[in-house]
C-alpha atoms as a PDB file:
ATOM      1  CA  MET A   1       9.813  22.450  12.786  1.00  0.00           C
ATOM      2  CA  PRO A   2      11.677  24.388   9.949  1.00  0.00           C
ATOM      3  CA  PHE A   3       9.910  24.714   6.686  1.00  0.00           C
ATOM      4  CA  GLU A   4      12.862  23.482   4.641  1.00  0.00           C
ATOM      5  CA  THR A   5      12.769  20.099   7.003  1.00  0.00           C
ATOM      6  CA  TRP A   6       8.989  19.632   6.328  1.00  0.00           C
ATOM      7  CA  LEU A   7       9.505  20.362   2.587  1.00  0.00           C
ATOM      8  CA  ALA A   8      12.354  17.682   2.406  1.00  0.00           C
ATOM      9  CA  PHE A   9      10.119  15.239   4.181  1.00  0.00           C
ATOM     10  CA  CYS A  10       7.373  15.839   1.982  1.00  0.00           C
ATOM     11  CA  VAL A  11       9.690  15.462  -1.151  1.00  0.00           C
ATOM     12  CA  THR A  12      10.973  12.400   0.051  1.00  0.00           C
ATOM     13  CA  GLU A  13       7.625  10.934   0.559  1.00  0.00           C
ATOM     14  CA  ALA A  14       6.376  11.952  -2.522  1.00  0.00           C
ATOM     15  CA  VAL A  15       9.082   9.897  -4.355  1.00  0.00           C
ATOM     16  CA  LEU A  16       8.756   6.972  -2.377  1.00  0.00           C
ATOM     17  CA  CYS A  17       4.699   7.040  -2.806  1.00  0.00           C
ATOM     18  CA  PHE A  18       5.226   7.153  -6.541  1.00  0.00           C
ATOM     19  CA  THR A  19       7.547   4.407  -6.734  1.00  0.00           C
ATOM     20  CA  PRO A  20       5.594   0.969  -7.644  1.00  0.00           C
ATOM     21  CA  GLY A  21       5.464  -1.248  -4.669  1.00  0.00           C
ATOM     22  CA  PRO A  22       2.611  -3.601  -3.169  1.00  0.00           C
ATOM     23  CA  ALA A  23       0.639  -0.867  -2.118  1.00  0.00           C
ATOM     24  CA  VAL A  24       0.434   0.714  -5.439  1.00  0.00           C
ATOM     25  CA  LEU A  25      -0.041  -2.762  -7.245  1.00  0.00           C
ATOM     26  CA  LEU A  26      -2.968  -3.461  -4.883  1.00  0.00           C
ATOM     27  CA  VAL A  27      -4.645  -0.232  -5.647  1.00  0.00           C
ATOM     28  CA  VAL A  28      -4.150  -0.754  -9.326  1.00  0.00           C
ATOM     29  CA  SER A  29      -5.500  -4.369  -9.390  1.00  0.00           C
ATOM     30  CA  ALA A  30      -8.582  -3.184  -7.335  1.00  0.00           C
ATOM     31  CA  ALA A  31      -9.060  -0.181  -9.811  1.00  0.00           C
ATOM     32  CA  LEU A  32      -8.747  -2.009 -13.037  1.00  0.00           C
ATOM     33  CA  PRO A  33     -11.782  -3.915 -12.972  1.00  0.00           C
ATOM     34  CA  ARG A  34     -13.814  -2.214 -10.383  1.00  0.00           C
ATOM     35  CA  GLY A  35     -12.920   1.394 -10.801  1.00  0.00           C
ATOM     36  CA  ALA A  36     -11.267   4.190  -9.177  1.00  0.00           C
ATOM     37  CA  GLY A  37     -13.633   4.143  -6.153  1.00  0.00           C
ATOM     38  CA  ALA A  38     -12.685   0.503  -5.220  1.00  0.00           C
ATOM     39  CA  GLY A  39      -8.786   1.595  -5.826  1.00  0.00           C
ATOM     40  CA  LEU A  40      -9.383   4.504  -3.447  1.00  0.00           C
ATOM     41  CA  VAL A  41     -11.055   2.412  -0.962  1.00  0.00           C
ATOM     42  CA  ALA A  42      -7.917  -0.016  -0.869  1.00  0.00           C
ATOM     43  CA  GLY A  43      -5.785   3.213  -0.584  1.00  0.00           C
ATOM     44  CA  LEU A  44      -7.503   4.194   2.520  1.00  0.00           C
ATOM     45  CA  GLY A  45      -6.844   0.915   3.974  1.00  0.00           C
ATOM     46  CA  ILE A  46      -3.375   1.474   3.328  1.00  0.00           C
ATOM     47  CA  LEU A  47      -3.172   4.773   4.847  1.00  0.00           C
ATOM     48  CA  ALA A  48      -4.761   3.217   7.857  1.00  0.00           C
ATOM     49  CA  ALA A  49      -1.933   0.596   8.204  1.00  0.00           C
ATOM     50  CA  ASN A  50       0.543   3.749   7.684  1.00  0.00           C
ATOM     51  CA  ALA A  51      -1.000   5.429  10.584  1.00  0.00           C
ATOM     52  CA  PHE A  52      -0.940   2.340  13.039  1.00  0.00           C
ATOM     53  CA  TYR A  53       2.884   2.023  12.021  1.00  0.00           C
ATOM     54  CA  PHE A  54       3.554   5.978  12.536  1.00  0.00           C
ATOM     55  CA  ALA A  55       1.979   5.468  16.055  1.00  0.00           C
ATOM     56  CA  LEU A  56       4.329   2.521  16.956  1.00  0.00           C
ATOM     57  CA  SER A  57       7.085   4.431  15.527  1.00  0.00           C
ATOM     58  CA  ALA A  58       6.527   7.252  17.774  1.00  0.00           C
ATOM     59  CA  LEU A  59       6.292   4.942  20.535  1.00  0.00           C
ATOM     60  CA  GLY A  60       9.265   3.147  19.992  1.00  0.00           C
ATOM     61  CA  ILE A  61       7.533  -0.059  19.314  1.00  0.00           C
ATOM     62  CA  GLY A  62       8.487  -0.125  15.685  1.00  0.00           C
ATOM     63  CA  ALA A  63      12.307  -0.237  16.578  1.00  0.00           C
ATOM     64  CA  ALA A  64      12.002  -3.342  18.495  1.00  0.00           C
ATOM     65  CA  ILE A  65       9.913  -5.178  15.717  1.00  0.00           C
ATOM     66  CA  VAL A  66      12.258  -4.285  13.157  1.00  0.00           C
ATOM     67  CA  ALA A  67      15.508  -5.499  15.640  1.00  0.00           C
ATOM     68  CA  SER A  68      13.515  -9.104  16.099  1.00  0.00           C
ATOM     69  CA  GLN A  69      14.518 -11.007  12.971  1.00  0.00           C
ATOM     70  CA  GLU A  70      11.974 -13.701  13.961  1.00  0.00           C
ATOM     71  CA  LEU A  71       9.105 -11.279  14.007  1.00  0.00           C
ATOM     72  CA  PHE A  72      10.502  -9.023  10.958  1.00  0.00           C
ATOM     73  CA  HIS A  73      10.623 -12.206   8.619  1.00  0.00           C
ATOM     74  CA  ALA A  74       7.213 -13.481   9.916  1.00  0.00           C
ATOM     75  CA  ILE A  75       5.523 -10.376   8.884  1.00  0.00           C
ATOM     76  CA  GLN A  76       7.096 -10.403   5.532  1.00  0.00           C
ATOM     77  CA  TRP A  77       6.358 -13.951   4.865  1.00  0.00           C
ATOM     78  CA  THR A  78       2.677 -13.367   5.918  1.00  0.00           C
ATOM     79  CA  GLY A  79       2.217 -10.188   3.695  1.00  0.00           C
ATOM     80  CA  ALA A  80       4.048 -12.185   0.764  1.00  0.00           C
ATOM     81  CA  ALA A  81       1.700 -15.251   1.199  1.00  0.00           C
ATOM     82  CA  TYR A  82      -1.489 -12.993   1.473  1.00  0.00           C
ATOM     83  CA  LEU A  83      -0.538 -11.241  -1.783  1.00  0.00           C
ATOM     84  CA  ILE A  84       0.039 -14.158  -3.689  1.00  0.00           C
ATOM     85  CA  TYR A  85      -3.006 -15.939  -2.714  1.00  0.00           C
ATOM     86  CA  LEU A  86      -5.295 -12.667  -3.761  1.00  0.00           C
ATOM     87  CA  GLY A  87      -3.585 -12.761  -7.086  1.00  0.00           C
ATOM     88  CA  GLY A  88      -3.672 -16.270  -7.776  1.00  0.00           C
ATOM     89  CA  ARG A  89      -7.719 -16.458  -6.763  1.00  0.00           C
ATOM     90  CA  ALA A  90      -7.810 -13.273  -9.107  1.00  0.00           C
ATOM     91  CA  ILE A  91      -6.324 -15.117 -11.965  1.00  0.00           C
ATOM     92  CA  PHE A  92      -8.162 -18.519 -11.591  1.00  0.00           C
ATOM     93  CA  SER A  93     -11.473 -17.390 -10.715  1.00  0.00           C
ATOM     94  CA  GLY A  94     -12.515 -16.646 -14.218  1.00  0.00           C
ATOM     95  CA  ARG A  95     -16.015 -15.931 -15.133  1.00  0.00           C
ATOM     96  CA  SER A  96     -18.077 -17.594 -17.725  1.00  0.00           C
ATOM     97  CA  SER A  97     -18.917 -15.748 -20.899  1.00  0.00           C
ATOM     98  CA  GLU A  98     -22.581 -15.605 -20.275  1.00  0.00           C
ATOM     99  CA  ALA A  99     -21.959 -13.368 -17.149  1.00  0.00           C
ATOM    100  CA  PRO A 100     -19.539 -10.825 -18.211  1.00  0.00           C
ATOM    101  CA  SER A 101     -20.424  -8.082 -15.830  1.00  0.00           C
ATOM    102  CA  VAL A 102     -18.550  -7.355 -12.816  1.00  0.00           C
ATOM    103  CA  GLN A 103     -20.185  -8.546  -9.814  1.00  0.00           C
ATOM    104  CA  PRO A 104     -20.265  -5.890  -6.845  1.00  0.00           C
ATOM    105  CA  ARG A 105     -18.240  -6.621  -3.826  1.00  0.00           C
ATOM    106  CA  PRO A 106     -18.187  -4.703  -0.650  1.00  0.00           C
ATOM    107  CA  LEU A 107     -16.077  -1.984  -0.506  1.00  0.00           C
ATOM    108  CA  GLY A 108     -14.990  -2.739   3.208  1.00  0.00           C
ATOM    109  CA  ARG A 109     -13.252  -5.872   1.645  1.00  0.00           C
ATOM    110  CA  ALA A 110     -10.837  -3.691  -0.505  1.00  0.00           C
ATOM    111  CA  PHE A 111     -10.037  -1.601   2.580  1.00  0.00           C
ATOM    112  CA  THR A 112      -9.539  -4.631   4.652  1.00  0.00           C
ATOM    113  CA  ARG A 113      -7.173  -6.136   1.997  1.00  0.00           C
ATOM    114  CA  GLY A 114      -5.276  -2.458   1.785  1.00  0.00           C
ATOM    115  CA  PHE A 115      -4.595  -2.652   5.351  1.00  0.00           C
ATOM    116  CA  ILE A 116      -3.479  -6.139   5.739  1.00  0.00           C
ATOM    117  CA  VAL A 117      -1.121  -5.638   3.024  1.00  0.00           C
ATOM    118  CA  GLN A 118       0.542  -2.714   4.037  1.00  0.00           C
ATOM    119  CA  THR A 119       0.708  -3.922   7.556  1.00  0.00           C
ATOM    120  CA  ALA A 120       2.368  -7.037   6.461  1.00  0.00           C
ATOM    121  CA  ASN A 121       4.818  -4.900   4.401  1.00  0.00           C
ATOM    122  CA  PRO A 122       7.931  -4.722   6.687  1.00  0.00           C
ATOM    123  CA  LYS A 123       9.389  -2.105   4.487  1.00  0.00           C
ATOM    124  CA  THR A 124       6.728   0.343   5.677  1.00  0.00           C
ATOM    125  CA  LEU A 125       7.817  -0.153   9.360  1.00  0.00           C
ATOM    126  CA  ILE A 126      11.453   0.362   8.380  1.00  0.00           C
ATOM    127  CA  PHE A 127      10.347   3.459   6.701  1.00  0.00           C
ATOM    128  CA  PHE A 128       8.892   4.939   9.642  1.00  0.00           C
ATOM    129  CA  THR A 129      11.534   3.791  12.017  1.00  0.00           C
ATOM    130  CA  ALA A 130      14.628   4.740  10.101  1.00  0.00           C
ATOM    131  CA  LEU A 131      13.342   7.884   8.065  1.00  0.00           C
ATOM    132  CA  LEU A 132      11.020   9.727  10.678  1.00  0.00           C
ATOM    133  CA  PRO A 133      14.099  10.421  13.147  1.00  0.00           C
ATOM    134  CA  GLN A 134      16.003  12.201  10.402  1.00  0.00           C
ATOM    135  CA  PHE A 135      13.317  14.792  10.192  1.00  0.00           C
ATOM    136  CA  LEU A 136      12.745  15.482  13.996  1.00  0.00           C
ATOM    137  CA  ASP A 137      14.225  18.076  15.703  1.00  0.00           C
ATOM    138  CA  PRO A 138      15.191  16.891  19.438  1.00  0.00           C
ATOM    139  CA  GLU A 139      15.178  20.665  20.536  1.00  0.00           C
ATOM    140  CA  ARG A 140      11.309  21.215  19.599  1.00  0.00           C
ATOM    141  CA  ALA A 141       8.204  19.421  20.700  1.00  0.00           C
ATOM    142  CA  ILE A 142       8.465  15.814  19.191  1.00  0.00           C
ATOM    143  CA  GLY A 143       4.785  15.259  19.621  1.00  0.00           C
ATOM    144  CA  PHE A 144       3.716  18.123  17.482  1.00  0.00           C
ATOM    145  CA  GLN A 145       6.589  17.428  14.825  1.00  0.00           C
ATOM    146  CA  VAL A 146       5.252  13.463  14.439  1.00  0.00           C
ATOM    147  CA  VAL A 147       1.662  14.742  14.056  1.00  0.00           C
ATOM    148  CA  VAL A 148       2.722  17.405  11.240  1.00  0.00           C
ATOM    149  CA  LEU A 149       4.722  14.608   9.751  1.00  0.00           C
ATOM    150  CA  GLY A 150       2.153  11.871  10.081  1.00  0.00           C
ATOM    151  CA  ALA A 151      -0.627  14.011   8.383  1.00  0.00           C
ATOM    152  CA  SER A 152       1.830  15.069   5.621  1.00  0.00           C
ATOM    153  CA  SER A 153       2.558  11.674   4.921  1.00  0.00           C
ATOM    154  CA  VAL A 154      -1.007  10.529   4.730  1.00  0.00           C
ATOM    155  CA  VAL A 155      -2.117  13.330   2.482  1.00  0.00           C
ATOM    156  CA  ILE A 156       0.756  12.662   0.047  1.00  0.00           C
ATOM    157  CA  GLU A 157       0.314   9.025  -0.148  1.00  0.00           C
ATOM    158  CA  PHE A 158      -3.517   9.583  -0.682  1.00  0.00           C
ATOM    159  CA  LEU A 159      -2.841  11.865  -3.420  1.00  0.00           C
ATOM    160  CA  ALA A 160      -0.156   9.638  -4.876  1.00  0.00           C
ATOM    161  CA  LEU A 161      -2.573   6.372  -4.865  1.00  0.00           C
ATOM    162  CA  GLY A 162      -5.662   8.308  -6.018  1.00  0.00           C
ATOM    163  CA  VAL A 163      -3.589   8.908  -9.326  1.00  0.00           C
ATOM    164  CA  TYR A 164      -2.802   5.180  -9.845  1.00  0.00           C
ATOM    165  CA  ALA A 165      -6.575   4.390  -9.036  1.00  0.00           C
ATOM    166  CA  VAL A 166      -7.643   6.999 -11.497  1.00  0.00           C
ATOM    167  CA  VAL A 167      -5.337   5.772 -14.302  1.00  0.00           C
ATOM    168  CA  ALA A 168      -5.912   2.487 -13.842  1.00  0.00           C
ATOM    169  CA  SER A 169      -9.717   3.020 -13.768  1.00  0.00           C
ATOM    170  CA  ARG A 170      -9.827   4.803 -16.863  1.00  0.00           C
ATOM    171  CA  ALA A 171      -7.614   1.960 -18.560  1.00  0.00           C
ATOM    172  CA  GLY A 172     -10.163  -0.640 -17.405  1.00  0.00           C
ATOM    173  CA  ARG A 173     -12.917   1.287 -19.177  1.00  0.00           C
ATOM    174  CA  LEU A 174     -11.145   1.441 -22.479  1.00  0.00           C
ATOM    175  CA  THR A 175     -12.066  -2.327 -22.726  1.00  0.00           C
ATOM    176  CA  ASP A 176     -15.408  -3.709 -23.450  1.00  0.00           C
ATOM    177  CA  GLY A 177     -17.021  -6.504 -21.214  1.00  0.00           C
ATOM    178  CA  GLY A 178     -15.237  -9.368 -22.976  1.00  0.00           C
ATOM    179  CA  TRP A 179     -12.127  -8.381 -21.285  1.00  0.00           C
ATOM    180  CA  ILE A 180     -13.120  -8.292 -17.903  1.00  0.00           C
ATOM    181  CA  ASP A 181     -11.658 -11.982 -17.233  1.00  0.00           C
ATOM    182  CA  ARG A 182      -8.309 -10.517 -18.576  1.00  0.00           C
ATOM    183  CA  ILE A 183      -8.179  -7.347 -16.867  1.00  0.00           C
ATOM    184  CA  GLU A 184      -9.106  -9.583 -13.581  1.00  0.00           C
ATOM    185  CA  ARG A 185      -6.171 -11.623 -14.357  1.00  0.00           C
ATOM    186  CA  VAL A 186      -3.862  -8.815 -14.909  1.00  0.00           C
ATOM    187  CA  GLY A 187      -4.877  -7.346 -11.529  1.00  0.00           C
ATOM    188  CA  GLY A 188      -4.048 -11.045 -10.124  1.00  0.00           C
ATOM    189  CA  GLY A 189      -0.468 -10.832 -11.853  1.00  0.00           C
ATOM    190  CA  PHE A 190       0.284  -7.414 -10.395  1.00  0.00           C
ATOM    191  CA  LEU A 191      -0.542  -9.105  -6.960  1.00  0.00           C
ATOM    192  CA  VAL A 192       1.343 -12.138  -7.325  1.00  0.00           C
ATOM    193  CA  ALA A 193       4.403  -9.815  -8.476  1.00  0.00           C
ATOM    194  CA  ALA A 194       4.006  -7.814  -5.610  1.00  0.00           C
ATOM    195  CA  GLY A 195       4.075 -10.746  -3.346  1.00  0.00           C
ATOM    196  CA  LEU A 196       7.068 -12.437  -4.765  1.00  0.00           C
ATOM    197  CA  ARG A 197       9.014  -9.166  -4.486  1.00  0.00           C
ATOM    198  CA  LEU A 198       8.425  -8.959  -0.911  1.00  0.00           C
ATOM    199  CA  ALA A 199       9.181 -12.537  -0.531  1.00  0.00           C
ATOM    200  CA  ILE A 200      12.635 -11.931  -1.685  1.00  0.00           C
ATOM    201  CA  VAL A 201      13.411  -8.526  -0.413  1.00  0.00           C
ATOM    202  CA  SER A 202      16.056  -8.646   2.159  1.00  0.00           C
ATOM    203  CA  ARG A 203      16.328  -6.755   5.260  1.00  0.00           C
ATOM    204  CA  SER A 204      19.082  -4.578   3.991  1.00  0.00           C
ATOM    205  CA  ASP A 205      16.815  -2.888   1.280  1.00  0.00           C
END
């Protein structure tokens, strides 16, 4: 694979990763009240979903899913409903003032949420199905190129999500315990917004 092609892919991937979407909003909503660790674990779930979609795209299954309008929209609406559910629960499950501290939650839950949200985002599948072939050279070993681009994509998105997680975590630490409920509700609002955005996005985007 020519270096210029790889570099172009990395630049494109970086721009897309730093553009706020459901994945970024999920990481921010996890890191705001619970710290960068929770945000990074959610990010690992997102990356696992990306790797899953990368494999589907490499096998040609992704194109078949995108071509099926019913399945495509089923994935889209499932992801939107799940995001709105998570956001609504965060908004309406306020804590009492006598117990202002954040109760620890299993980090595995953050990973699972990240995986589900990213898997249910059909734009992720479109990205790997439509964009990936543009950077593959049919005259060279396809398998090696897919591995290189996939690994590059994972590294770039991990760094991007890590930046969002650290910034959100520091913003959360600037507030005292009395603001915990509000921070939770802000994170929930991010998730609801991401769900609504996912629900109204069209296939042509």
